[in-house]
Amino acid sequence: MNEQERDDKMKLIEQTCSRLQEHFDSVQIFATKHDPTMSEGTINWHYGSGNWFTRWGQIKDWISRKETEMYSND
């Protein structure tokens, strides 16, 4: 994937975030795409809008819940 394609995908994420922001107080988007031509193999993007602390707190809460789910299944 070339730089223009990566930029185009970032613009899509920004536009989607903006559209969602019309309906929500905060939005955070994480996206990944496997690209075997990249040395890392995976490209990632992230973008958000709205209150940063709200987004950060929601991410921490999501991680905590998922870890609890993961470890409670043992």
N, C-alpha and C. Protein backbone atom coordinates (compact mmCIF):
# COMPACT_ATOMS: atom_id res chain seq x y z
N MET A 1 0.86 -1.17 0.00
CA MET A 1 0.00 0.00 0.00
C MET A 1 0.90 1.24 0.00
N ASN A 2 0.64 2.13 -0.91
CA ASN A 2 1.47 3.32 -0.99
C ASN A 2 0.94 4.42 -0.06
N GLU A 3 1.71 5.49 0.05
CA GLU A 3 1.36 6.58 0.97
C GLU A 3 0.01 7.21 0.63
N GLN A 4 -0.29 7.37 -0.65
CA GLN A 4 -1.58 7.95 -1.05
C GLN A 4 -2.74 7.07 -0.60
N GLU A 5 -2.59 5.75 -0.74
CA GLU A 5 -3.65 4.83 -0.30
C GLU A 5 -3.83 4.90 1.22
N ARG A 6 -2.72 5.00 1.95
CA ARG A 6 -2.82 5.14 3.42
C ARG A 6 -3.51 6.44 3.79
N ASP A 7 -3.15 7.52 3.08
CA ASP A 7 -3.79 8.82 3.33
C ASP A 7 -5.28 8.77 3.02
N ASP A 8 -5.65 8.11 1.94
CA ASP A 8 -7.06 7.99 1.56
C ASP A 8 -7.85 7.25 2.64
N LYS A 9 -7.26 6.20 3.19
CA LYS A 9 -7.93 5.46 4.25
C LYS A 9 -8.07 6.32 5.51
N MET A 10 -7.05 7.11 5.81
CA MET A 10 -7.13 8.01 6.97
C MET A 10 -8.24 9.03 6.77
N LYS A 11 -8.37 9.56 5.57
CA LYS A 11 -9.44 10.52 5.28
C LYS A 11 -10.81 9.87 5.46
N LEU A 12 -10.95 8.62 5.05
CA LEU A 12 -12.20 7.89 5.24
C LEU A 12 -12.52 7.75 6.73
N ILE A 13 -11.52 7.43 7.52
CA ILE A 13 -11.72 7.30 8.97
C ILE A 13 -12.12 8.65 9.56
N GLU A 14 -11.45 9.72 9.17
CA GLU A 14 -11.78 11.06 9.67
C GLU A 14 -13.20 11.46 9.28
N GLN A 15 -13.59 11.19 8.04
CA GLN A 15 -14.95 11.51 7.59
C GLN A 15 -15.99 10.71 8.37
N THR A 16 -15.70 9.43 8.59
CA THR A 16 -16.63 8.58 9.34
C THR A 16 -16.75 9.05 10.78
N CYS A 17 -15.63 9.42 11.36
CA CYS A 17 -15.64 9.94 12.73
C CYS A 17 -16.47 11.22 12.81
N SER A 18 -16.28 12.09 11.85
CA SER A 18 -17.04 13.35 11.81
C SER A 18 -18.53 13.08 11.70
N ARG A 19 -18.89 12.13 10.87
CA ARG A 19 -20.31 11.79 10.69
C ARG A 19 -20.89 11.23 11.98
N LEU A 20 -20.16 10.35 12.64
CA LEU A 20 -20.63 9.79 13.91
C LEU A 20 -20.70 10.85 15.00
N GLN A 21 -19.76 11.78 14.98
CA GLN A 21 -19.71 12.83 16.00
C GLN A 21 -20.98 13.66 16.02
N GLU A 22 -21.69 13.71 14.90
CA GLU A 22 -22.96 14.44 14.84
C GLU A 22 -24.00 13.83 15.78
N HIS A 23 -23.81 12.56 16.14
CA HIS A 23 -24.81 11.82 16.92
C HIS A 23 -24.33 11.40 18.31
N PHE A 24 -23.03 11.55 18.60
CA PHE A 24 -22.46 11.07 19.85
C PHE A 24 -21.58 12.14 20.47
N ASP A 25 -21.36 12.03 21.79
CA ASP A 25 -20.50 12.99 22.49
C ASP A 25 -19.03 12.78 22.17
N SER A 26 -18.64 11.53 22.00
CA SER A 26 -17.25 11.25 21.67
C SER A 26 -17.19 10.01 20.79
N VAL A 27 -16.15 9.96 19.95
CA VAL A 27 -15.96 8.85 19.02
C VAL A 27 -14.47 8.56 18.95
N GLN A 28 -14.13 7.27 18.97
CA GLN A 28 -12.74 6.86 18.78
C GLN A 28 -12.76 5.68 17.82
N ILE A 29 -11.94 5.75 16.78
CA ILE A 29 -11.89 4.69 15.78
C ILE A 29 -10.47 4.14 15.72
N PHE A 30 -10.37 2.81 15.76
CA PHE A 30 -9.12 2.10 15.52
C PHE A 30 -9.37 1.20 14.32
N ALA A 31 -8.43 1.17 13.40
CA ALA A 31 -8.58 0.32 12.22
C ALA A 31 -7.23 -0.28 11.86
N THR A 32 -7.25 -1.51 11.37
CA THR A 32 -6.02 -2.16 10.92
C THR A 32 -6.26 -2.81 9.58
N LYS A 33 -5.18 -2.97 8.84
CA LYS A 33 -5.25 -3.67 7.56
C LYS A 33 -3.93 -4.40 7.35
N HIS A 34 -4.05 -5.67 7.07
CA HIS A 34 -2.86 -6.47 6.79
C HIS A 34 -2.32 -6.09 5.41
N ASP A 35 -1.04 -5.86 5.34
CA ASP A 35 -0.39 -5.54 4.06
C ASP A 35 0.95 -6.27 4.01
N PRO A 36 1.00 -7.38 3.28
CA PRO A 36 2.23 -8.17 3.24
C PRO A 36 3.42 -7.43 2.64
N THR A 37 3.17 -6.31 1.95
CA THR A 37 4.29 -5.57 1.37
C THR A 37 4.99 -4.70 2.40
N MET A 38 4.36 -4.51 3.55
CA MET A 38 4.96 -3.70 4.63
C MET A 38 5.83 -4.60 5.49
N SER A 39 6.94 -4.07 5.97
CA SER A 39 7.84 -4.87 6.80
C SER A 39 7.16 -5.31 8.09
N GLU A 40 6.27 -4.47 8.63
CA GLU A 40 5.54 -4.81 9.86
C GLU A 40 4.37 -5.75 9.57
N GLY A 41 3.89 -5.78 8.34
CA GLY A 41 2.80 -6.67 7.95
C GLY A 41 1.41 -6.11 8.17
N THR A 42 1.27 -5.18 9.10
CA THR A 42 -0.05 -4.60 9.39
C THR A 42 0.08 -3.09 9.52
N ILE A 43 -0.85 -2.39 8.93
CA ILE A 43 -0.91 -0.93 9.03
C ILE A 43 -2.04 -0.62 9.99
N ASN A 44 -1.86 0.40 10.82
CA ASN A 44 -2.96 0.78 11.72
C ASN A 44 -3.20 2.28 11.67
N TRP A 45 -4.42 2.62 11.91
CA TRP A 45 -4.88 4.00 11.96
C TRP A 45 -5.67 4.19 13.24
N HIS A 46 -5.67 5.39 13.76
CA HIS A 46 -6.55 5.73 14.88
C HIS A 46 -6.90 7.21 14.79
N TYR A 47 -8.13 7.49 15.18
CA TYR A 47 -8.61 8.86 15.09
C TYR A 47 -9.80 9.01 16.03
N GLY A 48 -9.90 10.14 16.67
CA GLY A 48 -11.03 10.36 17.56
C GLY A 48 -11.42 11.82 17.64
N SER A 49 -12.61 12.05 18.16
CA SER A 49 -13.07 13.41 18.39
C SER A 49 -13.97 13.41 19.62
N GLY A 50 -14.15 14.58 20.17
CA GLY A 50 -14.89 14.69 21.42
C GLY A 50 -13.92 14.71 22.58
N ASN A 51 -14.44 14.66 23.78
CA ASN A 51 -13.64 14.75 24.99
C ASN A 51 -12.60 13.63 25.05
N TRP A 52 -11.33 14.01 25.11
CA TRP A 52 -10.24 13.03 25.12
C TRP A 52 -10.31 12.13 26.34
N PHE A 53 -10.61 12.70 27.51
CA PHE A 53 -10.66 11.91 28.73
C PHE A 53 -11.80 10.89 28.70
N THR A 54 -12.90 11.26 28.08
CA THR A 54 -14.01 10.31 27.93
C THR A 54 -13.59 9.15 27.03
N ARG A 55 -12.95 9.46 25.93
CA ARG A 55 -12.49 8.39 25.02
C ARG A 55 -11.47 7.49 25.70
N TRP A 56 -10.53 8.08 26.40
CA TRP A 56 -9.50 7.33 27.10
C TRP A 56 -10.12 6.43 28.16
N GLY A 57 -11.06 6.98 28.93
CA GLY A 57 -11.73 6.20 29.96
C GLY A 57 -12.54 5.05 29.38
N GLN A 58 -13.20 5.29 28.27
CA GLN A 58 -14.00 4.23 27.64
C GLN A 58 -13.08 3.11 27.13
N ILE A 59 -11.95 3.47 26.59
CA ILE A 59 -11.00 2.46 26.11
C ILE A 59 -10.48 1.64 27.28
N LYS A 60 -10.11 2.30 28.39
CA LYS A 60 -9.64 1.58 29.57
C LYS A 60 -10.72 0.64 30.10
N ASP A 61 -11.96 1.12 30.13
CA ASP A 61 -13.07 0.29 30.61
C ASP A 61 -13.27 -0.92 29.70
N TRP A 62 -13.20 -0.72 28.40
CA TRP A 62 -13.37 -1.82 27.44
C TRP A 62 -12.27 -2.86 27.64
N ILE A 63 -11.02 -2.41 27.79
CA ILE A 63 -9.91 -3.34 28.00
C ILE A 63 -10.13 -4.13 29.28
N SER A 64 -10.49 -3.44 30.34
CA SER A 64 -10.72 -4.11 31.62
C SER A 64 -11.81 -5.17 31.51
N ARG A 65 -12.92 -4.83 30.87
CA ARG A 65 -14.01 -5.79 30.71
C ARG A 65 -13.59 -7.00 29.87
N LYS A 66 -12.87 -6.76 28.79
CA LYS A 66 -12.43 -7.85 27.93
C LYS A 66 -11.43 -8.75 28.65
N GLU A 67 -10.53 -8.16 29.44
CA GLU A 67 -9.59 -8.98 30.21
C GLU A 67 -10.34 -9.83 31.23
N THR A 68 -11.34 -9.25 31.87
CA THR A 68 -12.13 -10.01 32.83
C THR A 68 -12.84 -11.17 32.14
N GLU A 69 -13.44 -10.91 30.99
CA GLU A 69 -14.11 -11.96 30.22
C GLU A 69 -13.12 -13.06 29.82
N MET A 70 -11.96 -12.64 29.36
CA MET A 70 -10.97 -13.58 28.87
C MET A 70 -10.48 -14.50 30.00
N TYR A 71 -10.19 -13.91 31.15
CA TYR A 71 -9.64 -14.69 32.25
C TYR A 71 -10.71 -15.43 33.03
N SER A 72 -11.96 -15.01 32.95
CA SER A 72 -13.02 -15.70 33.69
C SER A 72 -13.45 -16.98 32.96
N ASN A 73 -13.05 -17.14 31.71
CA ASN A 73 -13.39 -18.35 30.94
C ASN A 73 -12.41 -19.49 31.18
N ASP A 74 -11.38 -19.27 32.00
CA ASP A 74 -10.39 -20.32 32.26
C ASP A 74 -10.91 -21.37 33.20
